[in-house]
Amino acid sequence: MSEAPIRLFSYGTLQQESVQIETFGRLLKGQADTLPGFAKTMVRITDPAVLATSGQEFHPIVTPSDDPAEAIPGAVFEITAQELAAADDYEVDDYKRIAVVLGSGLDAFVYVKA
């Protein structure tokens, strides 16, 4: 019996090839999807390792929206449990991982404002 795939939705730097190579040791294959019911803002990153990996001081971050029709575009990736742990290590304390249902109907994890 094979394990169900772990899906991770990214609306930000985890879509960057350089971040994927540094974090997962490979390029991820993803498909476009949306995160309904959330709004996107930016957060300033101060962690030197994350700054070096992403090359960006400001990263997008999402919070639940008052407008249920609002949706964040991004990509959904299938990853391993080990890669999910690596993503947890990459994300700074401003983020927490939650389970969501994407616009496509797929279940996935996503990092939102802690």
N, C-alpha and C. Protein backbone atom coordinates (compact mmCIF):
# COMPACT_ATOMS: atom_id res chain seq x y z
N MET A 1 0.85 -1.19 0.00
CA MET A 1 0.00 0.00 0.00
C MET A 1 0.89 1.24 0.00
N SER A 2 0.72 2.09 -0.98
CA SER A 2 1.56 3.29 -1.05
C SER A 2 0.94 4.43 -0.25
N GLU A 3 1.82 5.31 0.21
CA GLU A 3 1.36 6.45 0.99
C GLU A 3 0.70 7.48 0.08
N ALA A 4 -0.28 8.18 0.63
CA ALA A 4 -0.89 9.28 -0.12
C ALA A 4 0.15 10.36 -0.31
N PRO A 5 0.15 11.03 -1.46
CA PRO A 5 1.14 12.09 -1.67
C PRO A 5 0.92 13.24 -0.69
N ILE A 6 2.02 13.86 -0.32
CA ILE A 6 1.95 15.09 0.48
C ILE A 6 1.97 16.25 -0.51
N ARG A 7 0.98 17.10 -0.41
CA ARG A 7 0.92 18.25 -1.31
C ARG A 7 1.24 19.52 -0.52
N LEU A 8 2.04 20.37 -1.14
CA LEU A 8 2.40 21.65 -0.55
C LEU A 8 2.07 22.74 -1.56
N PHE A 9 1.26 23.71 -1.11
CA PHE A 9 0.91 24.85 -1.97
C PHE A 9 1.86 25.99 -1.66
N SER A 10 2.42 26.58 -2.70
CA SER A 10 3.31 27.73 -2.54
C SER A 10 2.78 28.91 -3.34
N TYR A 11 2.78 30.07 -2.69
CA TYR A 11 2.42 31.33 -3.34
C TYR A 11 3.61 32.27 -3.36
N GLY A 12 4.77 31.77 -2.91
CA GLY A 12 5.93 32.64 -2.74
C GLY A 12 7.23 31.99 -3.14
N THR A 13 8.24 32.13 -2.28
CA THR A 13 9.61 31.80 -2.65
C THR A 13 9.86 30.31 -2.88
N LEU A 14 9.00 29.44 -2.34
CA LEU A 14 9.20 28.00 -2.59
C LEU A 14 8.93 27.63 -4.04
N GLN A 15 8.44 28.58 -4.84
CA GLN A 15 8.29 28.36 -6.27
C GLN A 15 9.60 28.66 -7.02
N GLN A 16 10.54 29.35 -6.37
CA GLN A 16 11.80 29.72 -7.02
C GLN A 16 12.70 28.49 -7.15
N GLU A 17 13.29 28.30 -8.34
CA GLU A 17 14.17 27.16 -8.56
C GLU A 17 15.33 27.14 -7.57
N SER A 18 15.94 28.30 -7.31
CA SER A 18 17.10 28.34 -6.41
C SER A 18 16.70 27.93 -4.99
N VAL A 19 15.52 28.32 -4.55
CA VAL A 19 15.04 27.95 -3.21
C VAL A 19 14.75 26.45 -3.16
N GLN A 20 14.16 25.90 -4.23
CA GLN A 20 13.87 24.46 -4.26
C GLN A 20 15.16 23.63 -4.21
N ILE A 21 16.17 24.04 -4.99
CA ILE A 21 17.44 23.31 -5.00
C ILE A 21 18.08 23.36 -3.61
N GLU A 22 18.10 24.53 -3.00
CA GLU A 22 18.72 24.69 -1.69
C GLU A 22 17.94 23.95 -0.60
N THR A 23 16.62 23.98 -0.67
CA THR A 23 15.78 23.41 0.38
C THR A 23 15.54 21.92 0.21
N PHE A 24 15.30 21.48 -1.04
CA PHE A 24 14.91 20.09 -1.29
C PHE A 24 15.96 19.28 -2.04
N GLY A 25 16.98 19.95 -2.58
CA GLY A 25 17.99 19.26 -3.35
C GLY A 25 17.54 18.84 -4.74
N ARG A 26 16.40 19.36 -5.16
CA ARG A 26 15.87 19.05 -6.50
C ARG A 26 14.86 20.11 -6.90
N LEU A 27 14.52 20.13 -8.18
CA LEU A 27 13.44 20.98 -8.65
C LEU A 27 12.13 20.23 -8.48
N LEU A 28 11.12 20.92 -7.99
CA LEU A 28 9.81 20.32 -7.80
C LEU A 28 8.97 20.49 -9.07
N LYS A 29 8.14 19.51 -9.35
CA LYS A 29 7.18 19.63 -10.44
C LYS A 29 5.85 20.03 -9.82
N GLY A 30 5.30 21.12 -10.31
CA GLY A 30 4.06 21.61 -9.74
C GLY A 30 3.04 21.93 -10.80
N GLN A 31 1.83 22.22 -10.32
CA GLN A 31 0.77 22.67 -11.21
C GLN A 31 0.11 23.89 -10.60
N ALA A 32 -0.36 24.76 -11.46
CA ALA A 32 -1.02 25.98 -11.01
C ALA A 32 -2.28 25.62 -10.22
N ASP A 33 -2.53 26.39 -9.16
CA ASP A 33 -3.72 26.21 -8.35
C ASP A 33 -3.96 27.53 -7.61
N THR A 34 -5.00 27.57 -6.79
CA THR A 34 -5.28 28.77 -6.01
C THR A 34 -5.60 28.40 -4.57
N LEU A 35 -5.40 29.36 -3.68
CA LEU A 35 -5.74 29.22 -2.27
C LEU A 35 -6.92 30.16 -2.00
N PRO A 36 -8.14 29.62 -1.97
CA PRO A 36 -9.31 30.48 -1.79
C PRO A 36 -9.47 30.96 -0.35
N GLY A 37 -10.03 32.17 -0.21
CA GLY A 37 -10.37 32.69 1.11
C GLY A 37 -9.21 33.30 1.87
N PHE A 38 -8.13 33.63 1.18
CA PHE A 38 -6.97 34.25 1.82
C PHE A 38 -6.56 35.52 1.09
N ALA A 39 -5.89 36.41 1.82
CA ALA A 39 -5.34 37.65 1.26
C ALA A 39 -3.84 37.65 1.50
N LYS A 40 -3.10 38.27 0.59
CA LYS A 40 -1.63 38.26 0.66
C LYS A 40 -1.10 39.63 1.02
N THR A 41 -0.13 39.65 1.94
CA THR A 41 0.65 40.85 2.27
C THR A 41 2.12 40.44 2.22
N MET A 42 2.99 41.29 2.74
CA MET A 42 4.42 40.99 2.75
C MET A 42 4.93 41.03 4.19
N VAL A 43 5.99 40.25 4.44
CA VAL A 43 6.65 40.22 5.74
C VAL A 43 8.15 40.39 5.50
N ARG A 44 8.80 41.15 6.39
CA ARG A 44 10.25 41.35 6.28
C ARG A 44 10.96 40.16 6.91
N ILE A 45 11.89 39.59 6.16
CA ILE A 45 12.66 38.43 6.61
C ILE A 45 14.01 38.91 7.15
N THR A 46 14.37 38.42 8.34
CA THR A 46 15.65 38.80 8.95
C THR A 46 16.59 37.60 9.12
N ASP A 47 16.08 36.39 8.92
CA ASP A 47 16.90 35.18 9.07
C ASP A 47 17.96 35.15 7.97
N PRO A 48 19.27 35.18 8.34
CA PRO A 48 20.32 35.24 7.32
C PRO A 48 20.30 34.07 6.33
N ALA A 49 19.99 32.86 6.80
CA ALA A 49 19.97 31.70 5.91
C ALA A 49 18.85 31.82 4.87
N VAL A 50 17.68 32.26 5.31
CA VAL A 50 16.55 32.41 4.39
C VAL A 50 16.82 33.55 3.41
N LEU A 51 17.41 34.63 3.91
CA LEU A 51 17.77 35.75 3.02
C LEU A 51 18.76 35.29 1.95
N ALA A 52 19.73 34.49 2.36
CA ALA A 52 20.73 34.00 1.41
C ALA A 52 20.10 33.06 0.38
N THR A 53 19.17 32.23 0.82
CA THR A 53 18.53 31.27 -0.08
C THR A 53 17.59 31.95 -1.06
N SER A 54 16.76 32.86 -0.56
CA SER A 54 15.73 33.48 -1.42
C SER A 54 16.24 34.70 -2.17
N GLY A 55 17.22 35.39 -1.58
CA GLY A 55 17.70 36.63 -2.18
C GLY A 55 16.71 37.78 -2.04
N GLN A 56 15.71 37.61 -1.18
CA GLN A 56 14.67 38.63 -1.02
C GLN A 56 14.46 38.96 0.44
N GLU A 57 14.43 40.26 0.75
CA GLU A 57 14.20 40.69 2.13
C GLU A 57 12.72 40.60 2.51
N PHE A 58 11.83 40.80 1.55
CA PHE A 58 10.40 40.75 1.81
C PHE A 58 9.79 39.55 1.11
N HIS A 59 9.05 38.74 1.88
CA HIS A 59 8.40 37.55 1.35
C HIS A 59 6.89 37.72 1.49
N PRO A 60 6.12 37.14 0.56
CA PRO A 60 4.67 37.18 0.73
C PRO A 60 4.24 36.30 1.90
N ILE A 61 3.12 36.68 2.51
CA ILE A 61 2.52 35.92 3.61
C ILE A 61 1.02 36.08 3.48
N VAL A 62 0.26 35.05 3.83
CA VAL A 62 -1.19 35.12 3.68
C VAL A 62 -1.90 34.98 5.02
N THR A 63 -3.09 35.59 5.07
CA THR A 63 -3.99 35.51 6.22
C THR A 63 -5.40 35.28 5.68
N PRO A 64 -6.27 34.71 6.50
CA PRO A 64 -7.65 34.55 6.05
C PRO A 64 -8.25 35.90 5.63
N SER A 65 -9.03 35.88 4.57
CA SER A 65 -9.63 37.09 4.02
C SER A 65 -11.07 37.22 4.49
N ASP A 66 -11.52 38.46 4.61
CA ASP A 66 -12.93 38.72 4.89
C ASP A 66 -13.79 38.44 3.66
N ASP A 67 -13.15 38.36 2.49
CA ASP A 67 -13.84 38.13 1.23
C ASP A 67 -13.62 36.68 0.80
N PRO A 68 -14.63 35.79 0.94
CA PRO A 68 -14.45 34.39 0.58
C PRO A 68 -14.15 34.18 -0.90
N ALA A 69 -14.43 35.18 -1.74
CA ALA A 69 -14.16 35.07 -3.17
C ALA A 69 -12.69 35.36 -3.49
N GLU A 70 -11.96 35.95 -2.55
CA GLU A 70 -10.55 36.25 -2.78
C GLU A 70 -9.76 34.95 -2.84
N ALA A 71 -8.79 34.88 -3.75
CA ALA A 71 -7.97 33.67 -3.88
C ALA A 71 -6.55 34.05 -4.28
N ILE A 72 -5.59 33.33 -3.73
CA ILE A 72 -4.17 33.58 -3.98
C ILE A 72 -3.69 32.58 -5.04
N PRO A 73 -3.10 33.06 -6.14
CA PRO A 73 -2.55 32.14 -7.13
C PRO A 73 -1.21 31.58 -6.66
N GLY A 74 -0.92 30.38 -7.12
CA GLY A 74 0.35 29.77 -6.78
C GLY A 74 0.48 28.43 -7.47
N ALA A 75 1.25 27.54 -6.85
CA ALA A 75 1.48 26.21 -7.41
C ALA A 75 1.41 25.18 -6.30
N VAL A 76 0.93 23.99 -6.66
CA VAL A 76 0.89 22.88 -5.71
C VAL A 76 1.92 21.84 -6.16
N PHE A 77 2.70 21.37 -5.19
CA PHE A 77 3.77 20.42 -5.44
C PHE A 77 3.52 19.14 -4.63
N GLU A 78 3.93 17.99 -5.18
CA GLU A 78 3.93 16.75 -4.42
C GLU A 78 5.34 16.55 -3.88
N ILE A 79 5.43 16.38 -2.55
CA ILE A 79 6.72 16.27 -1.88
C ILE A 79 6.71 15.08 -0.92
N THR A 80 7.88 14.75 -0.41
CA THR A 80 8.02 13.67 0.56
C THR A 80 7.90 14.24 1.98
N ALA A 81 7.74 13.35 2.95
CA ALA A 81 7.70 13.78 4.35
C ALA A 81 9.01 14.47 4.74
N GLN A 82 10.13 13.95 4.23
CA GLN A 82 11.43 14.56 4.51
C GLN A 82 11.49 15.98 3.92
N GLU A 83 10.94 16.16 2.72
CA GLU A 83 10.92 17.48 2.09
C GLU A 83 9.99 18.44 2.83
N LEU A 84 8.88 17.91 3.37
CA LEU A 84 8.00 18.76 4.17
C LEU A 84 8.73 19.26 5.41
N ALA A 85 9.52 18.39 6.04
CA ALA A 85 10.33 18.79 7.20
C ALA A 85 11.34 19.86 6.80
N ALA A 86 11.92 19.73 5.60
CA ALA A 86 12.88 20.73 5.12
C ALA A 86 12.18 22.07 4.88
N ALA A 87 10.96 22.03 4.37
CA ALA A 87 10.19 23.26 4.16
C ALA A 87 9.87 23.91 5.51
N ASP A 88 9.53 23.09 6.51
CA ASP A 88 9.29 23.62 7.86
C ASP A 88 10.53 24.34 8.38
N ASP A 89 11.70 23.77 8.11
CA ASP A 89 12.95 24.38 8.56
C ASP A 89 13.22 25.69 7.82
N TYR A 90 12.87 25.74 6.54
CA TYR A 90 13.10 26.94 5.72
C TYR A 90 12.23 28.11 6.17
N GLU A 91 10.98 27.83 6.48
CA GLU A 91 10.05 28.91 6.83
C GLU A 91 10.39 29.48 8.21
N VAL A 92 10.40 30.80 8.33
CA VAL A 92 10.72 31.47 9.59
C VAL A 92 9.50 31.45 10.52
N ASP A 93 9.69 31.91 11.75
CA ASP A 93 8.65 31.83 12.78
C ASP A 93 7.42 32.67 12.47
N ASP A 94 7.50 33.55 11.47
CA ASP A 94 6.32 34.33 11.08
C ASP A 94 5.24 33.45 10.45
N TYR A 95 5.65 32.23 10.03
CA TYR A 95 4.74 31.32 9.32
C TYR A 95 4.39 30.11 10.17
N LYS A 96 3.20 29.57 9.91
CA LYS A 96 2.82 28.27 10.46
C LYS A 96 2.20 27.47 9.32
N ARG A 97 2.32 26.14 9.40
CA ARG A 97 1.78 25.27 8.35
C ARG A 97 0.39 24.80 8.76
N ILE A 98 -0.56 24.93 7.82
CA ILE A 98 -1.92 24.45 8.04
C ILE A 98 -2.35 23.60 6.85
N ALA A 99 -3.39 22.81 7.05
CA ALA A 99 -4.00 22.02 5.97
C ALA A 99 -5.16 22.83 5.39
N VAL A 100 -5.25 22.83 4.06
CA VAL A 100 -6.30 23.58 3.37
C VAL A 100 -6.84 22.74 2.21
N VAL A 101 -7.95 23.22 1.64
CA VAL A 101 -8.46 22.68 0.39
C VAL A 101 -8.26 23.77 -0.66
N LEU A 102 -7.56 23.42 -1.73
CA LEU A 102 -7.24 24.39 -2.79
C LEU A 102 -8.43 24.59 -3.73
N GLY A 103 -8.31 25.57 -4.59
CA GLY A 103 -9.36 25.87 -5.56
C GLY A 103 -9.70 24.67 -6.43
N SER A 104 -8.71 23.80 -6.68
CA SER A 104 -8.91 22.60 -7.50
C SER A 104 -9.65 21.51 -6.75
N GLY A 105 -9.77 21.66 -5.42
CA GLY A 105 -10.36 20.62 -4.59
C GLY A 105 -9.34 19.72 -3.94
N LEU A 106 -8.05 19.87 -4.29
CA LEU A 106 -6.98 19.07 -3.68
C LEU A 106 -6.73 19.51 -2.24
N ASP A 107 -6.44 18.55 -1.38
CA ASP A 107 -5.98 18.85 -0.02
C ASP A 107 -4.48 19.14 -0.10
N ALA A 108 -4.03 20.13 0.66
CA ALA A 108 -2.61 20.49 0.66
C ALA A 108 -2.27 21.20 1.95
N PHE A 109 -0.97 21.27 2.20
CA PHE A 109 -0.46 22.12 3.27
C PHE A 109 -0.06 23.46 2.67
N VAL A 110 -0.13 24.50 3.50
CA VAL A 110 0.31 25.83 3.09
C VAL A 110 0.83 26.55 4.33
N TYR A 111 1.76 27.46 4.11
CA TYR A 111 2.29 28.27 5.21
C TYR A 111 1.55 29.60 5.23
N VAL A 112 0.98 29.94 6.39
CA VAL A 112 0.21 31.17 6.58
C VAL A 112 0.81 31.94 7.74
N LYS A 113 0.32 33.15 7.96
CA LYS A 113 0.83 33.97 9.06
C LYS A 113 0.57 33.27 10.40
N ALA A 114 1.61 33.16 11.19
CA ALA A 114 1.51 32.48 12.51
C ALA A 114 0.69 33.31 13.49
